[in-house]
Amino acid sequence: MNKEQYVRQVTRHLNASRLEKKRIQQDLLSDIDVAIEAGESWDEVLKRWGPAQEMAQELSENMDLPSKKSHKGLIIGILSGVVGVIVIGVVLTHLLAPQQISLKDSQHFDEEVVYQQAQRVIESMNNADFDAIYDLSNAKMQEALSTAELKENWESLHAGSFQEISRYYSAEIDSKLQGDYAVCEVLVTYSNQPVTFTISFDTDMKLAGFYMK
């Protein structure tokens, strides 16, 4: 299955208008291209994103679309066997409808500073320092973020001990509705299983979005 076929399958499972589906298709294809430009293969992206129906379910929940199938709407929980935690400050890269800009060309973010801040977030998770995550967050995230829930869901992953950062890429998200954000996706290898972090920062370099699975 190529990327175009996958994206079409995703949108078939979305309860959205034709115009919305077209926009989402464009966003997903753009995200795939960003990942490939960062060195990831299409097969790796496909493995990370999972089956089209699961991706559609995740999109529906985060974009507040009505589901084609009834389900319990959980911000934090288990989705089709994948344990995850979603704290909505800014939606993930593939849920936005903005321009994506390389951080090398960004006028709002320094590529190295973004990487260092992403490392800081991951190190805080590795050390189970959930208060540090709270302190790194902006006001909206602090309103939505529960350190107790974060702790519970981190522990539910049973990731094991930190090994290495296996893959990293980032981009600036320029959205007229949401503003400008730096979004990083970081694949981290742990002793039990890998964990993918998607981390968003606002222009003050405060944590504005956080997802892990």
Protein backbone atom coordinates (compact mmCIF):
# COMPACT_ATOMS: atom_id res chain seq x y z
CA MET A 1 0.00 0.00 0.00
CA ASN A 2 1.41 3.38 -0.98
CA LYS A 3 0.92 6.56 0.99
CA GLU A 4 -1.92 7.86 -1.20
CA GLN A 5 -3.90 4.63 -0.78
CA TYR A 6 -3.33 4.68 2.97
CA VAL A 7 -4.50 8.28 3.33
CA ARG A 8 -7.64 7.56 1.29
CA GLN A 9 -8.41 4.61 3.54
CA VAL A 10 -8.01 6.80 6.63
CA THR A 11 -10.47 9.40 5.39
CA ARG A 12 -13.01 6.75 4.39
CA HIS A 13 -13.38 5.99 8.10
CA LEU A 14 -13.91 9.65 9.05
CA ASN A 15 -17.36 11.11 9.57
CA ALA A 16 -16.46 14.40 7.89
CA SER A 17 -17.50 16.45 4.90
CA ARG A 18 -15.86 15.94 1.53
CA LEU A 19 -14.03 19.25 1.90
CA GLU A 20 -12.75 18.31 5.37
CA LYS A 21 -11.60 14.91 4.11
CA LYS A 22 -9.71 16.54 1.26
CA ARG A 23 -7.99 18.91 3.68
CA ILE A 24 -7.09 16.05 6.02
CA GLN A 25 -5.69 14.03 3.12
CA GLN A 26 -3.45 16.95 2.18
CA ASP A 27 -2.29 17.32 5.80
CA LEU A 28 -1.49 13.63 6.18
CA LEU A 29 0.43 13.50 2.91
CA SER A 30 2.35 16.60 3.96
CA ASP A 31 3.24 14.97 7.29
CA ILE A 32 4.42 11.83 5.52
CA ASP A 33 6.63 13.92 3.24
CA VAL A 34 8.12 15.72 6.25
CA ALA A 35 8.94 12.37 7.86
CA ILE A 36 10.51 11.01 4.67
CA GLU A 37 12.56 14.17 4.20
CA ALA A 38 13.80 13.67 7.78
CA GLY A 39 15.12 10.22 6.84
CA GLU A 40 12.21 7.93 7.68
CA SER A 41 10.97 5.47 5.06
CA TRP A 42 7.31 5.18 4.11
CA ASP A 43 7.24 1.65 5.59
CA GLU A 44 8.51 3.06 8.90
CA VAL A 45 5.87 5.80 8.88
CA LEU A 46 3.17 3.22 8.13
CA LYS A 47 4.33 0.99 10.98
CA ARG A 48 4.39 3.94 13.38
CA TRP A 49 0.96 5.26 12.39
CA GLY A 50 -0.69 1.85 12.41
CA PRO A 51 -3.76 0.60 10.49
CA ALA A 52 -5.84 3.18 8.66
CA GLN A 53 -8.91 2.55 10.81
CA GLU A 54 -6.97 3.13 14.03
CA MET A 55 -5.50 6.33 12.65
CA ALA A 56 -8.99 7.49 11.66
CA GLN A 57 -10.27 6.74 15.16
CA GLU A 58 -7.43 8.74 16.69
CA LEU A 59 -8.05 11.64 14.32
CA SER A 60 -11.76 11.59 15.09
CA GLU A 61 -11.16 11.78 18.83
CA ASN A 62 -8.64 14.59 18.64
CA MET A 63 -10.55 16.63 16.07
CA ASP A 64 -13.82 16.07 17.95
CA LEU A 65 -15.45 14.45 14.94
CA PRO A 66 -18.45 12.18 15.54
CA SER A 67 -17.40 8.56 15.23
CA LYS A 68 -18.96 6.21 12.71
CA LYS A 69 -19.01 3.62 15.48
CA SER A 70 -20.03 4.23 19.05
CA HIS A 71 -17.17 4.16 21.53
CA LYS A 72 -16.19 5.47 24.91
CA GLY A 73 -14.43 8.77 24.34
CA LEU A 74 -11.30 8.75 26.43
CA ILE A 75 -8.57 11.34 26.39
CA ILE A 76 -6.37 8.93 28.26
CA GLY A 77 -6.89 5.22 27.79
CA ILE A 78 -6.45 2.22 25.55
CA LEU A 79 -7.20 2.53 21.85
CA SER A 80 -7.29 -0.71 19.86
CA GLY A 81 -4.67 -2.28 22.06
CA VAL A 82 -2.35 0.72 21.92
CA VAL A 83 -1.78 2.38 25.25
CA GLY A 84 -1.49 6.12 24.86
CA VAL A 85 -1.87 9.44 26.54
CA ILE A 86 -3.11 12.55 24.81
CA VAL A 87 -3.01 15.92 26.46
CA ILE A 88 -4.54 18.43 24.08
CA GLY A 89 -2.84 21.79 24.01
CA VAL A 90 -2.08 21.97 20.34
CA VAL A 91 -3.16 19.05 18.18
CA LEU A 92 -0.54 16.73 16.71
CA THR A 93 1.18 17.51 13.45
CA HIS A 94 -1.11 15.34 11.35
CA LEU A 95 -4.22 16.88 12.90
CA LEU A 96 -3.43 20.44 11.92
CA ALA A 97 -4.23 22.29 8.72
CA PRO A 98 -1.32 24.72 8.55
CA GLN A 99 1.90 25.28 6.70
CA GLN A 100 4.83 23.17 7.79
CA ILE A 101 8.20 24.88 7.77
CA SER A 102 11.63 23.44 8.39
CA LEU A 103 13.06 24.73 11.66
CA LYS A 104 16.18 25.66 9.72
CA ASP A 105 14.05 28.25 7.92
CA SER A 106 11.98 29.27 10.94
CA GLN A 107 11.80 32.87 12.10
CA HIS A 108 10.24 31.84 15.42
CA PHE A 109 12.27 28.86 16.63
CA ASP A 110 15.89 27.86 16.98
CA GLU A 111 16.39 24.27 15.85
CA GLU A 112 18.95 23.43 18.54
CA VAL A 113 16.90 25.03 21.34
CA VAL A 114 13.85 23.01 20.29
CA TYR A 115 15.88 19.79 20.32
CA GLN A 116 17.31 20.56 23.76
CA GLN A 117 13.86 21.32 25.15
CA ALA A 118 12.47 18.09 23.70
CA GLN A 119 15.34 16.23 25.34
CA ARG A 120 14.48 17.92 28.61
CA VAL A 121 10.88 16.71 28.39
CA ILE A 122 11.98 13.14 27.66
CA GLU A 123 14.55 13.18 30.46
CA SER A 124 11.83 14.34 32.85
CA MET A 125 9.67 11.41 31.78
CA ASN A 126 12.61 9.02 32.15
CA ASN A 127 13.13 10.29 35.69
CA ALA A 128 9.39 10.17 36.45
CA ASP A 129 9.60 13.88 37.24
CA PHE A 130 6.02 14.73 36.29
CA ASP A 131 6.09 18.00 38.22
CA ALA A 132 8.87 19.12 35.87
CA ILE A 133 6.61 18.40 32.89
CA TYR A 134 3.95 20.56 34.51
CA ASP A 135 6.45 23.37 35.08
CA LEU A 136 7.57 23.20 31.45
CA SER A 137 3.98 23.56 30.21
CA ASN A 138 2.14 26.69 29.18
CA ALA A 139 -1.02 27.85 30.96
CA LYS A 140 -3.44 25.91 28.74
CA MET A 141 -1.48 22.71 29.16
CA GLN A 142 -1.32 23.20 32.91
CA GLU A 143 -5.10 23.49 32.99
CA ALA A 144 -5.48 20.22 31.07
CA LEU A 145 -2.50 18.36 32.49
CA SER A 146 -2.87 16.11 35.51
CA THR A 147 0.44 14.85 36.86
CA ALA A 148 -1.41 11.92 38.44
CA GLU A 149 -2.87 10.84 35.09
CA LEU A 150 0.45 11.42 33.38
CA LYS A 151 2.15 9.19 35.94
CA GLU A 152 -0.49 6.49 35.62
CA ASN A 153 -0.30 6.36 31.84
CA TRP A 154 3.49 6.54 31.71
CA GLU A 155 3.71 3.59 34.08
CA SER A 156 1.10 1.69 32.07
CA LEU A 157 3.44 1.70 29.06
CA HIS A 158 5.96 -0.48 30.96
CA ALA A 159 8.65 0.94 28.69
CA GLY A 160 11.55 -0.07 30.89
CA SER A 161 14.85 1.73 31.18
CA PHE A 162 15.96 4.37 28.71
CA GLN A 163 18.35 3.18 25.99
CA GLU A 164 18.64 5.87 23.33
CA ILE A 165 16.87 8.37 21.11
CA SER A 166 16.53 6.36 17.91
CA ARG A 167 14.91 8.90 15.63
CA TYR A 168 14.04 12.59 15.78
CA TYR A 169 12.51 15.10 13.43
CA SER A 170 10.83 18.43 13.86
CA ALA A 171 9.04 21.19 11.98
CA GLU A 172 7.35 24.50 12.58
CA ILE A 173 3.57 24.49 12.36
CA ASP A 174 2.25 27.83 11.14
CA SER A 175 -1.49 27.95 11.81
CA LYS A 176 -3.66 31.04 11.51
CA LEU A 177 -6.05 29.56 14.08
CA GLN A 178 -3.59 28.08 16.57
CA GLY A 179 -0.51 30.26 16.09
CA ASP A 180 3.06 29.09 15.56
CA TYR A 181 4.35 25.91 17.15
CA ALA A 182 7.42 23.73 16.94
CA VAL A 183 6.40 20.07 16.77
CA CYS A 184 8.90 17.27 17.40
CA GLU A 185 8.42 13.57 16.94
CA VAL A 186 10.92 11.49 18.86
CA LEU A 187 11.25 7.71 18.77
CA VAL A 188 12.90 6.55 22.00
CA THR A 189 14.17 3.03 22.60
CA TYR A 190 13.58 1.57 26.06
CA SER A 191 14.54 -1.86 27.38
CA ASN A 192 11.00 -3.25 27.04
CA GLN A 193 9.57 -1.40 24.06
CA PRO A 194 10.00 1.77 21.99
CA VAL A 195 7.91 4.85 22.74
CA THR A 196 7.07 7.59 20.25
CA PHE A 197 6.73 11.08 21.73
CA THR A 198 5.10 13.95 19.86
CA ILE A 199 5.97 17.19 21.64
CA SER A 200 4.79 20.69 20.75
CA PHE A 201 6.19 24.00 21.94
CA ASP A 202 4.80 27.50 21.63
CA THR A 203 6.97 30.47 20.71
CA ASP A 204 7.90 30.92 24.39
CA MET A 205 9.27 27.35 24.29
CA LYS A 206 6.61 26.20 26.71
CA LEU A 207 5.12 22.73 26.29
CA ALA A 208 1.88 23.18 24.35
CA GLY A 209 1.07 19.61 23.31
CA PHE A 210 2.16 16.15 24.37
CA TYR A 211 1.44 12.66 23.07
CA MET A 212 3.13 9.34 23.68
CA LYS A 213 2.48 5.80 22.58
